[in-house]
Amino acid sequence: FNEASGNKIVPRAVLVDLEPGTMDAVRAGPFGQLLGQDLNVFAQSGAGNNWAKGHYTEPPELVDQVLDVVLREAEPCDCEQGIEITHSLGGGTGAGMGTLLIRLIREEFPDRMMPTFSVMPSPLVSDTTIEPMNATLSVHQLVENSDETFCIDNEAH
């Protein structure tokens, strides 16, 4: 956590998306006041639910920007022990760009614990037919680069 102005405690959380819509909704919602606005990194294009687009072709400057924010947040930590990642595995941003960022963060912090909380796709929640493929492509990256992965059921109530 960080201490913001007015003795307000804010989570040390970096929010990333390839399109601004979801982040705009979070910032406008009841929890928007809890999050530091300078920790939001987003693009305007989206990955179109395409793992390869999120992992290989979406704006490389956005990836650099995310890594800069992560490094900036980690720098003042006295005893940083790890970095937790929460992402979905169904779309192009969480699955494609998310696994790219996990690999790059692992390279930057090889001695830190990195658990992921990965939301698995569900045909009951979304009818996008390529979500299972996005998840399958992500699993290899998670096995290689995370210390443990908690698979979250998107159908859970």
N, C-alpha and C. Protein backbone atom coordinates (compact mmCIF):
# COMPACT_ATOMS: atom_id res chain seq x y z
N PHE A 1 0.83 -1.18 0.00
CA PHE A 1 0.00 0.00 0.00
C PHE A 1 0.88 1.24 0.00
N ASN A 2 0.31 2.31 -0.52
CA ASN A 2 0.97 3.61 -0.50
C ASN A 2 0.12 4.57 0.32
N GLU A 3 0.76 5.56 0.89
CA GLU A 3 0.02 6.60 1.58
C GLU A 3 -0.10 7.79 0.64
N ALA A 4 -1.34 8.17 0.35
CA ALA A 4 -1.60 9.29 -0.55
C ALA A 4 -1.88 10.54 0.29
N SER A 5 -2.22 11.62 -0.38
CA SER A 5 -2.50 12.86 0.33
C SER A 5 -3.68 12.67 1.28
N GLY A 6 -3.66 13.39 2.37
CA GLY A 6 -4.72 13.28 3.36
C GLY A 6 -4.68 11.99 4.15
N ASN A 7 -3.49 11.40 4.28
CA ASN A 7 -3.32 10.13 5.01
C ASN A 7 -4.20 9.01 4.46
N LYS A 8 -4.48 9.07 3.19
CA LYS A 8 -5.31 8.06 2.55
C LYS A 8 -4.41 6.91 2.09
N ILE A 9 -4.79 5.69 2.41
CA ILE A 9 -4.04 4.50 2.02
C ILE A 9 -4.62 3.97 0.71
N VAL A 10 -3.77 3.80 -0.29
CA VAL A 10 -4.22 3.28 -1.59
C VAL A 10 -3.43 2.02 -1.93
N PRO A 11 -4.08 1.07 -2.56
CA PRO A 11 -3.36 -0.16 -2.92
C PRO A 11 -2.27 0.11 -3.94
N ARG A 12 -1.22 -0.65 -3.85
CA ARG A 12 -0.13 -0.58 -4.82
C ARG A 12 -0.54 -1.51 -5.96
N ALA A 13 -1.44 -1.02 -6.82
CA ALA A 13 -2.01 -1.84 -7.89
C ALA A 13 -1.85 -1.13 -9.22
N VAL A 14 -1.39 -1.84 -10.21
CA VAL A 14 -1.25 -1.31 -11.56
C VAL A 14 -2.36 -1.93 -12.40
N LEU A 15 -3.24 -1.10 -12.94
CA LEU A 15 -4.34 -1.59 -13.77
C LEU A 15 -3.97 -1.40 -15.23
N VAL A 16 -4.13 -2.47 -16.01
CA VAL A 16 -3.72 -2.45 -17.41
C VAL A 16 -4.85 -2.96 -18.28
N ASP A 17 -5.11 -2.29 -19.39
CA ASP A 17 -6.08 -2.78 -20.36
C ASP A 17 -5.72 -2.19 -21.72
N LEU A 18 -6.11 -2.89 -22.76
CA LEU A 18 -5.85 -2.40 -24.12
C LEU A 18 -6.98 -1.52 -24.64
N GLU A 19 -8.04 -1.36 -23.84
CA GLU A 19 -9.10 -0.43 -24.19
C GLU A 19 -9.56 0.26 -22.91
N PRO A 20 -9.94 1.53 -22.99
CA PRO A 20 -10.20 2.30 -21.78
C PRO A 20 -11.55 2.05 -21.11
N GLY A 21 -12.49 1.40 -21.76
CA GLY A 21 -13.86 1.29 -21.26
C GLY A 21 -13.98 0.69 -19.87
N THR A 22 -13.36 -0.44 -19.63
CA THR A 22 -13.46 -1.10 -18.33
C THR A 22 -12.82 -0.26 -17.25
N MET A 23 -11.67 0.32 -17.55
CA MET A 23 -10.98 1.13 -16.54
C MET A 23 -11.76 2.40 -16.23
N ASP A 24 -12.43 2.97 -17.23
CA ASP A 24 -13.28 4.14 -16.98
C ASP A 24 -14.41 3.77 -16.02
N ALA A 25 -14.99 2.57 -16.21
CA ALA A 25 -16.06 2.11 -15.33
C ALA A 25 -15.56 1.89 -13.91
N VAL A 26 -14.36 1.33 -13.76
CA VAL A 26 -13.79 1.12 -12.42
C VAL A 26 -13.53 2.46 -11.75
N ARG A 27 -12.94 3.39 -12.46
CA ARG A 27 -12.63 4.69 -11.87
C ARG A 27 -13.89 5.46 -11.49
N ALA A 28 -14.97 5.28 -12.25
CA ALA A 28 -16.22 5.98 -11.96
C ALA A 28 -17.01 5.29 -10.85
N GLY A 29 -16.70 4.05 -10.55
CA GLY A 29 -17.42 3.28 -9.54
C GLY A 29 -16.98 3.59 -8.12
N PRO A 30 -17.56 2.87 -7.16
CA PRO A 30 -17.27 3.15 -5.74
C PRO A 30 -15.82 2.89 -5.33
N PHE A 31 -15.11 2.03 -6.04
CA PHE A 31 -13.72 1.74 -5.68
C PHE A 31 -12.72 2.61 -6.43
N GLY A 32 -13.21 3.44 -7.32
CA GLY A 32 -12.33 4.30 -8.11
C GLY A 32 -11.50 5.24 -7.27
N GLN A 33 -12.03 5.65 -6.11
CA GLN A 33 -11.30 6.57 -5.23
C GLN A 33 -10.15 5.89 -4.52
N LEU A 34 -10.18 4.55 -4.45
CA LEU A 34 -9.13 3.82 -3.75
C LEU A 34 -7.86 3.65 -4.58
N LEU A 35 -7.98 3.83 -5.88
CA LEU A 35 -6.88 3.50 -6.77
C LEU A 35 -6.15 4.76 -7.23
N GLY A 36 -4.84 4.69 -7.27
CA GLY A 36 -4.05 5.81 -7.76
C GLY A 36 -4.22 5.96 -9.26
N GLN A 37 -4.61 7.16 -9.70
CA GLN A 37 -4.86 7.38 -11.12
C GLN A 37 -3.60 7.25 -11.97
N ASP A 38 -2.44 7.48 -11.38
CA ASP A 38 -1.20 7.38 -12.14
C ASP A 38 -0.76 5.94 -12.33
N LEU A 39 -1.52 4.99 -11.79
CA LEU A 39 -1.18 3.57 -11.93
C LEU A 39 -2.06 2.88 -12.97
N ASN A 40 -2.83 3.65 -13.72
CA ASN A 40 -3.67 3.10 -14.77
C ASN A 40 -2.95 3.24 -16.10
N VAL A 41 -2.80 2.13 -16.81
CA VAL A 41 -2.14 2.14 -18.11
C VAL A 41 -3.08 1.49 -19.10
N PHE A 42 -3.47 2.24 -20.14
CA PHE A 42 -4.37 1.66 -21.12
C PHE A 42 -4.13 2.24 -22.50
N ALA A 43 -4.58 1.48 -23.48
CA ALA A 43 -4.48 1.90 -24.88
C ALA A 43 -5.90 2.17 -25.38
N GLN A 44 -6.03 2.46 -26.64
CA GLN A 44 -7.33 2.75 -27.23
C GLN A 44 -7.80 1.67 -28.19
N SER A 45 -6.96 0.67 -28.47
CA SER A 45 -7.25 -0.22 -29.58
C SER A 45 -7.95 -1.51 -29.21
N GLY A 46 -7.57 -2.17 -28.13
CA GLY A 46 -8.12 -3.47 -27.79
C GLY A 46 -7.44 -4.57 -28.58
N ALA A 47 -7.57 -5.79 -28.08
CA ALA A 47 -6.93 -6.94 -28.74
C ALA A 47 -7.95 -7.82 -29.44
N GLY A 48 -9.22 -7.46 -29.38
CA GLY A 48 -10.24 -8.21 -30.11
C GLY A 48 -10.32 -9.68 -29.71
N ASN A 49 -10.13 -9.99 -28.45
CA ASN A 49 -10.16 -11.38 -27.95
C ASN A 49 -9.13 -12.27 -28.63
N ASN A 50 -8.05 -11.69 -29.12
CA ASN A 50 -7.05 -12.45 -29.86
C ASN A 50 -5.75 -12.52 -29.05
N TRP A 51 -5.41 -13.73 -28.57
CA TRP A 51 -4.22 -13.92 -27.75
C TRP A 51 -2.96 -13.42 -28.46
N ALA A 52 -2.79 -13.79 -29.72
CA ALA A 52 -1.58 -13.41 -30.46
C ALA A 52 -1.47 -11.90 -30.61
N LYS A 53 -2.59 -11.23 -30.83
CA LYS A 53 -2.55 -9.78 -30.96
C LYS A 53 -2.12 -9.13 -29.64
N GLY A 54 -2.65 -9.61 -28.53
CA GLY A 54 -2.27 -9.07 -27.23
C GLY A 54 -0.84 -9.40 -26.85
N HIS A 55 -0.36 -10.57 -27.26
CA HIS A 55 0.97 -11.03 -26.86
C HIS A 55 2.08 -10.50 -27.77
N TYR A 56 1.79 -10.38 -29.05
CA TYR A 56 2.86 -10.06 -30.01
C TYR A 56 2.76 -8.70 -30.68
N THR A 57 1.56 -8.18 -30.93
CA THR A 57 1.48 -7.02 -31.81
C THR A 57 0.94 -5.75 -31.18
N GLU A 58 0.25 -5.84 -30.06
CA GLU A 58 -0.31 -4.61 -29.51
C GLU A 58 0.79 -3.70 -29.01
N PRO A 59 0.46 -2.45 -28.80
CA PRO A 59 1.48 -1.41 -28.69
C PRO A 59 2.64 -1.75 -27.76
N PRO A 60 3.83 -1.92 -28.32
CA PRO A 60 5.00 -2.21 -27.49
C PRO A 60 5.30 -1.09 -26.50
N GLU A 61 4.94 0.15 -26.86
CA GLU A 61 5.17 1.25 -25.94
C GLU A 61 4.30 1.12 -24.69
N LEU A 62 3.13 0.47 -24.83
CA LEU A 62 2.28 0.24 -23.67
C LEU A 62 2.93 -0.75 -22.71
N VAL A 63 3.55 -1.79 -23.25
CA VAL A 63 4.26 -2.77 -22.43
C VAL A 63 5.39 -2.08 -21.67
N ASP A 64 6.14 -1.23 -22.36
CA ASP A 64 7.22 -0.48 -21.70
C ASP A 64 6.68 0.43 -20.60
N GLN A 65 5.54 1.04 -20.88
CA GLN A 65 4.92 1.93 -19.90
C GLN A 65 4.49 1.15 -18.65
N VAL A 66 3.91 -0.04 -18.85
CA VAL A 66 3.50 -0.87 -17.71
C VAL A 66 4.72 -1.27 -16.89
N LEU A 67 5.78 -1.71 -17.56
CA LEU A 67 6.99 -2.11 -16.83
C LEU A 67 7.58 -0.93 -16.06
N ASP A 68 7.54 0.26 -16.64
CA ASP A 68 8.04 1.45 -15.93
C ASP A 68 7.24 1.70 -14.66
N VAL A 69 5.91 1.56 -14.74
CA VAL A 69 5.06 1.78 -13.57
C VAL A 69 5.34 0.72 -12.51
N VAL A 70 5.48 -0.54 -12.92
CA VAL A 70 5.77 -1.62 -11.97
C VAL A 70 7.11 -1.36 -11.28
N LEU A 71 8.12 -0.99 -12.05
CA LEU A 71 9.43 -0.69 -11.46
C LEU A 71 9.35 0.49 -10.50
N ARG A 72 8.60 1.52 -10.89
CA ARG A 72 8.45 2.70 -10.03
C ARG A 72 7.75 2.35 -8.72
N GLU A 73 6.77 1.45 -8.78
CA GLU A 73 6.05 1.05 -7.57
C GLU A 73 6.90 0.13 -6.69
N ALA A 74 7.75 -0.67 -7.30
CA ALA A 74 8.58 -1.61 -6.53
C ALA A 74 9.77 -0.93 -5.88
N GLU A 75 10.25 0.15 -6.48
CA GLU A 75 11.48 0.80 -6.02
C GLU A 75 11.45 1.22 -4.55
N PRO A 76 10.39 1.86 -4.06
CA PRO A 76 10.44 2.31 -2.66
C PRO A 76 10.17 1.21 -1.63
N CYS A 77 9.90 0.00 -2.07
CA CYS A 77 9.60 -1.09 -1.13
C CYS A 77 10.84 -1.50 -0.35
N ASP A 78 10.70 -1.61 0.96
CA ASP A 78 11.80 -2.04 1.81
C ASP A 78 12.06 -3.54 1.68
N CYS A 79 11.00 -4.31 1.58
CA CYS A 79 11.14 -5.76 1.59
C CYS A 79 10.11 -6.39 0.65
N GLU A 80 10.20 -6.03 -0.61
CA GLU A 80 9.26 -6.58 -1.58
C GLU A 80 9.51 -8.07 -1.74
N GLN A 81 8.47 -8.85 -1.56
CA GLN A 81 8.63 -10.30 -1.63
C GLN A 81 8.02 -10.90 -2.88
N GLY A 82 7.14 -10.17 -3.53
CA GLY A 82 6.54 -10.74 -4.72
C GLY A 82 5.59 -9.78 -5.40
N ILE A 83 5.11 -10.23 -6.53
CA ILE A 83 4.16 -9.46 -7.33
C ILE A 83 3.02 -10.39 -7.69
N GLU A 84 1.80 -10.01 -7.32
CA GLU A 84 0.62 -10.80 -7.64
C GLU A 84 -0.01 -10.28 -8.92
N ILE A 85 -0.41 -11.21 -9.76
CA ILE A 85 -1.05 -10.86 -11.03
C ILE A 85 -2.46 -11.42 -11.02
N THR A 86 -3.44 -10.59 -11.34
CA THR A 86 -4.82 -11.05 -11.52
C THR A 86 -5.20 -10.72 -12.95
N HIS A 87 -5.66 -11.72 -13.67
CA HIS A 87 -6.01 -11.51 -15.08
C HIS A 87 -6.97 -12.59 -15.54
N SER A 88 -7.60 -12.34 -16.67
CA SER A 88 -8.46 -13.36 -17.27
C SER A 88 -7.66 -14.08 -18.35
N LEU A 89 -8.08 -15.30 -18.65
CA LEU A 89 -7.40 -16.06 -19.69
C LEU A 89 -8.24 -16.20 -20.96
N GLY A 90 -9.38 -15.52 -21.02
CA GLY A 90 -10.26 -15.68 -22.17
C GLY A 90 -10.00 -14.71 -23.30
N GLY A 91 -9.54 -13.52 -23.01
CA GLY A 91 -9.41 -12.50 -24.05
C GLY A 91 -7.99 -12.24 -24.47
N GLY A 92 -7.82 -11.24 -25.30
CA GLY A 92 -6.50 -10.92 -25.81
C GLY A 92 -5.65 -10.13 -24.84
N THR A 93 -6.28 -9.30 -24.01
CA THR A 93 -5.49 -8.48 -23.08
C THR A 93 -4.99 -9.30 -21.90
N GLY A 94 -5.89 -9.89 -21.13
CA GLY A 94 -5.48 -10.64 -19.95
C GLY A 94 -4.66 -11.87 -20.28
N ALA A 95 -5.06 -12.57 -21.33
CA ALA A 95 -4.36 -13.80 -21.71
C ALA A 95 -3.10 -13.49 -22.50
N GLY A 96 -3.23 -12.75 -23.58
CA GLY A 96 -2.09 -12.48 -24.46
C GLY A 96 -1.10 -11.49 -23.88
N MET A 97 -1.56 -10.27 -23.65
CA MET A 97 -0.66 -9.26 -23.11
C MET A 97 -0.31 -9.58 -21.65
N GLY A 98 -1.26 -10.18 -20.92
CA GLY A 98 -0.99 -10.54 -19.53
C GLY A 98 0.17 -11.50 -19.39
N THR A 99 0.19 -12.54 -20.23
CA THR A 99 1.29 -13.51 -20.13
C THR A 99 2.61 -12.92 -20.62
N LEU A 100 2.55 -12.00 -21.57
CA LEU A 100 3.77 -11.29 -21.99
C LEU A 100 4.32 -10.47 -20.82
N LEU A 101 3.45 -9.74 -20.14
CA LEU A 101 3.89 -8.94 -18.99
C LEU A 101 4.43 -9.82 -17.87
N ILE A 102 3.80 -10.97 -17.65
CA ILE A 102 4.29 -11.89 -16.61
C ILE A 102 5.72 -12.32 -16.93
N ARG A 103 5.97 -12.66 -18.19
CA ARG A 103 7.32 -13.07 -18.59
C ARG A 103 8.32 -11.93 -18.39
N LEU A 104 7.95 -10.73 -18.79
CA LEU A 104 8.86 -9.59 -18.67
C LEU A 104 9.09 -9.19 -17.22
N ILE A 105 8.05 -9.27 -16.40
CA ILE A 105 8.21 -8.97 -14.98
C ILE A 105 9.09 -10.03 -14.33
N ARG A 106 8.93 -11.29 -14.73
CA ARG A 106 9.78 -12.37 -14.21
C ARG A 106 11.25 -12.10 -14.55
N GLU A 107 11.52 -11.62 -15.77
CA GLU A 107 12.89 -11.30 -16.15
C GLU A 107 13.44 -10.15 -15.30
N GLU A 108 12.58 -9.20 -14.98
CA GLU A 108 13.00 -8.03 -14.20
C GLU A 108 13.18 -8.36 -12.72
N PHE A 109 12.35 -9.29 -12.21
CA PHE A 109 12.37 -9.67 -10.79
C PHE A 109 12.48 -11.19 -10.67
N PRO A 110 13.61 -11.77 -11.03
CA PRO A 110 13.71 -13.24 -11.05
C PRO A 110 13.64 -13.89 -9.67
N ASP A 111 13.95 -13.14 -8.62
CA ASP A 111 13.98 -13.73 -7.28
C ASP A 111 12.72 -13.45 -6.46
N ARG A 112 11.69 -12.87 -7.06
CA ARG A 112 10.45 -12.56 -6.35
C ARG A 112 9.40 -13.64 -6.62
N MET A 113 8.56 -13.88 -5.64
CA MET A 113 7.43 -14.79 -5.84
C MET A 113 6.43 -14.12 -6.78
N MET A 114 5.88 -14.89 -7.70
CA MET A 114 4.88 -14.34 -8.60
C MET A 114 3.72 -15.32 -8.75
N PRO A 115 2.73 -15.20 -7.86
CA PRO A 115 1.52 -16.00 -8.06
C PRO A 115 0.58 -15.28 -9.03
N THR A 116 -0.21 -16.05 -9.75
CA THR A 116 -1.23 -15.45 -10.60
C THR A 116 -2.59 -15.95 -10.16
N PHE A 117 -3.57 -15.09 -10.28
CA PHE A 117 -4.97 -15.43 -10.06
C PHE A 117 -5.62 -15.30 -11.42
N SER A 118 -5.81 -16.44 -12.07
CA SER A 118 -6.19 -16.48 -13.48
C SER A 118 -7.63 -16.95 -13.63
N VAL A 119 -8.47 -16.08 -14.19
CA VAL A 119 -9.88 -16.40 -14.38
C VAL A 119 -10.03 -17.21 -15.66
N MET A 120 -10.53 -18.43 -15.51
CA MET A 120 -10.70 -19.33 -16.65
C MET A 120 -11.97 -18.96 -17.41
N PRO A 121 -11.97 -19.10 -18.73
CA PRO A 121 -13.16 -18.79 -19.52
C PRO A 121 -14.27 -19.82 -19.29
N SER A 122 -15.49 -19.39 -19.55
CA SER A 122 -16.65 -20.26 -19.40
C SER A 122 -17.65 -20.01 -20.52
N PRO A 123 -18.16 -21.06 -21.14
CA PRO A 123 -19.16 -20.86 -22.19
C PRO A 123 -20.49 -20.32 -21.64
N LEU A 124 -20.71 -20.44 -20.34
CA LEU A 124 -21.94 -19.91 -19.76
C LEU A 124 -21.87 -18.40 -19.54
N VAL A 125 -20.66 -17.86 -19.48
CA VAL A 125 -20.49 -16.43 -19.24
C VAL A 125 -20.24 -15.68 -20.54
N SER A 126 -19.59 -16.31 -21.49
CA SER A 126 -19.27 -15.67 -22.76
C SER A 126 -19.42 -16.69 -23.88
N ASP A 127 -19.85 -16.22 -25.03
CA ASP A 127 -19.99 -17.12 -26.18
C ASP A 127 -18.88 -16.93 -27.21
N THR A 128 -17.80 -16.29 -26.82
CA THR A 128 -16.66 -16.10 -27.72
C THR A 128 -15.96 -17.44 -27.90
N THR A 129 -15.94 -17.94 -29.11
CA THR A 129 -15.47 -19.30 -29.36
C THR A 129 -13.97 -19.48 -29.20
N ILE A 130 -13.20 -18.41 -29.26
CA ILE A 130 -11.75 -18.59 -29.16
C ILE A 130 -11.22 -18.47 -27.73
N GLU A 131 -12.10 -18.24 -26.75
CA GLU A 131 -11.63 -18.13 -25.37
C GLU A 131 -10.88 -19.37 -24.89
N PRO A 132 -11.37 -20.59 -25.16
CA PRO A 132 -10.60 -21.77 -24.73
C PRO A 132 -9.21 -21.83 -25.36
N MET A 133 -9.09 -21.39 -26.61
CA MET A 133 -7.79 -21.37 -27.27
C MET A 133 -6.86 -20.35 -26.60
N ASN A 134 -7.40 -19.18 -26.27
CA ASN A 134 -6.61 -18.16 -25.57
C ASN A 134 -6.10 -18.71 -24.24
N ALA A 135 -6.96 -19.42 -23.52
CA ALA A 135 -6.56 -20.00 -22.23
C ALA A 135 -5.48 -21.05 -22.42
N THR A 136 -5.63 -21.88 -23.44
CA THR A 136 -4.64 -22.93 -23.71
C THR A 136 -3.28 -22.33 -24.04
N LEU A 137 -3.26 -21.29 -24.86
CA LEU A 137 -2.00 -20.63 -25.19
C LEU A 137 -1.36 -19.98 -23.96
N SER A 138 -2.18 -19.54 -23.03
CA SER A 138 -1.67 -18.89 -21.82
C SER A 138 -1.06 -19.86 -20.83
N VAL A 139 -1.60 -21.07 -20.76
CA VAL A 139 -1.15 -22.02 -19.74
C VAL A 139 0.34 -22.29 -19.86
N HIS A 140 0.85 -22.45 -21.06
CA HIS A 140 2.28 -22.69 -21.24
C HIS A 140 3.10 -21.55 -20.62
N GLN A 141 2.69 -20.32 -20.89
CA GLN A 141 3.39 -19.16 -20.34
C GLN A 141 3.33 -19.14 -18.82
N LEU A 142 2.19 -19.52 -18.26
CA LEU A 142 2.04 -19.53 -16.80
C LEU A 142 2.92 -20.60 -16.17
N VAL A 143 2.99 -21.77 -16.80
CA VAL A 143 3.84 -22.84 -16.28
C VAL A 143 5.30 -22.39 -16.26
N GLU A 144 5.71 -21.69 -17.29
CA GLU A 144 7.10 -21.25 -17.41
C GLU A 144 7.46 -20.09 -16.49
N ASN A 145 6.50 -19.18 -16.23
CA ASN A 145 6.88 -17.91 -15.62
C ASN A 145 6.24 -17.57 -14.28
N SER A 146 5.24 -18.29 -13.84
CA SER A 146 4.65 -17.98 -12.53
C SER A 146 5.07 -19.05 -11.53
N ASP A 147 5.06 -18.68 -10.26
CA ASP A 147 5.42 -19.64 -9.22
C ASP A 147 4.24 -20.52 -8.84
N GLU A 148 3.06 -19.97 -8.91
CA GLU A 148 1.85 -20.76 -8.70
C GLU A 148 0.70 -20.02 -9.36
N THR A 149 -0.25 -20.78 -9.87
CA THR A 149 -1.41 -20.20 -10.53
C THR A 149 -2.66 -20.69 -9.85
N PHE A 150 -3.48 -19.76 -9.41
CA PHE A 150 -4.78 -20.08 -8.84
C PHE A 150 -5.80 -19.90 -9.96
N CYS A 151 -6.40 -20.99 -10.39
CA CYS A 151 -7.39 -20.94 -11.46
C CYS A 151 -8.75 -20.61 -10.85
N ILE A 152 -9.33 -19.54 -11.31
CA ILE A 152 -10.61 -19.07 -10.77
C ILE A 152 -11.70 -19.41 -11.77
N ASP A 153 -12.74 -20.05 -11.28
CA ASP A 153 -13.88 -20.47 -12.10
C ASP A 153 -14.76 -19.25 -12.38
N ASN A 154 -14.93 -18.91 -13.63
CA ASN A 154 -15.72 -17.75 -14.01
C ASN A 154 -17.21 -17.99 -13.80
N GLU A 155 -17.61 -19.23 -13.54
CA GLU A 155 -19.01 -19.54 -13.29
C GLU A 155 -19.35 -19.53 -11.81
N ALA A 156 -18.35 -19.39 -10.95
CA ALA A 156 -18.59 -19.46 -9.51
C ALA A 156 -19.52 -18.34 -9.05
N HIS A 157 -20.32 -18.66 -8.08
CA HIS A 157 -21.26 -17.66 -7.54
C HIS A 157 -20.87 -17.32 -6.13
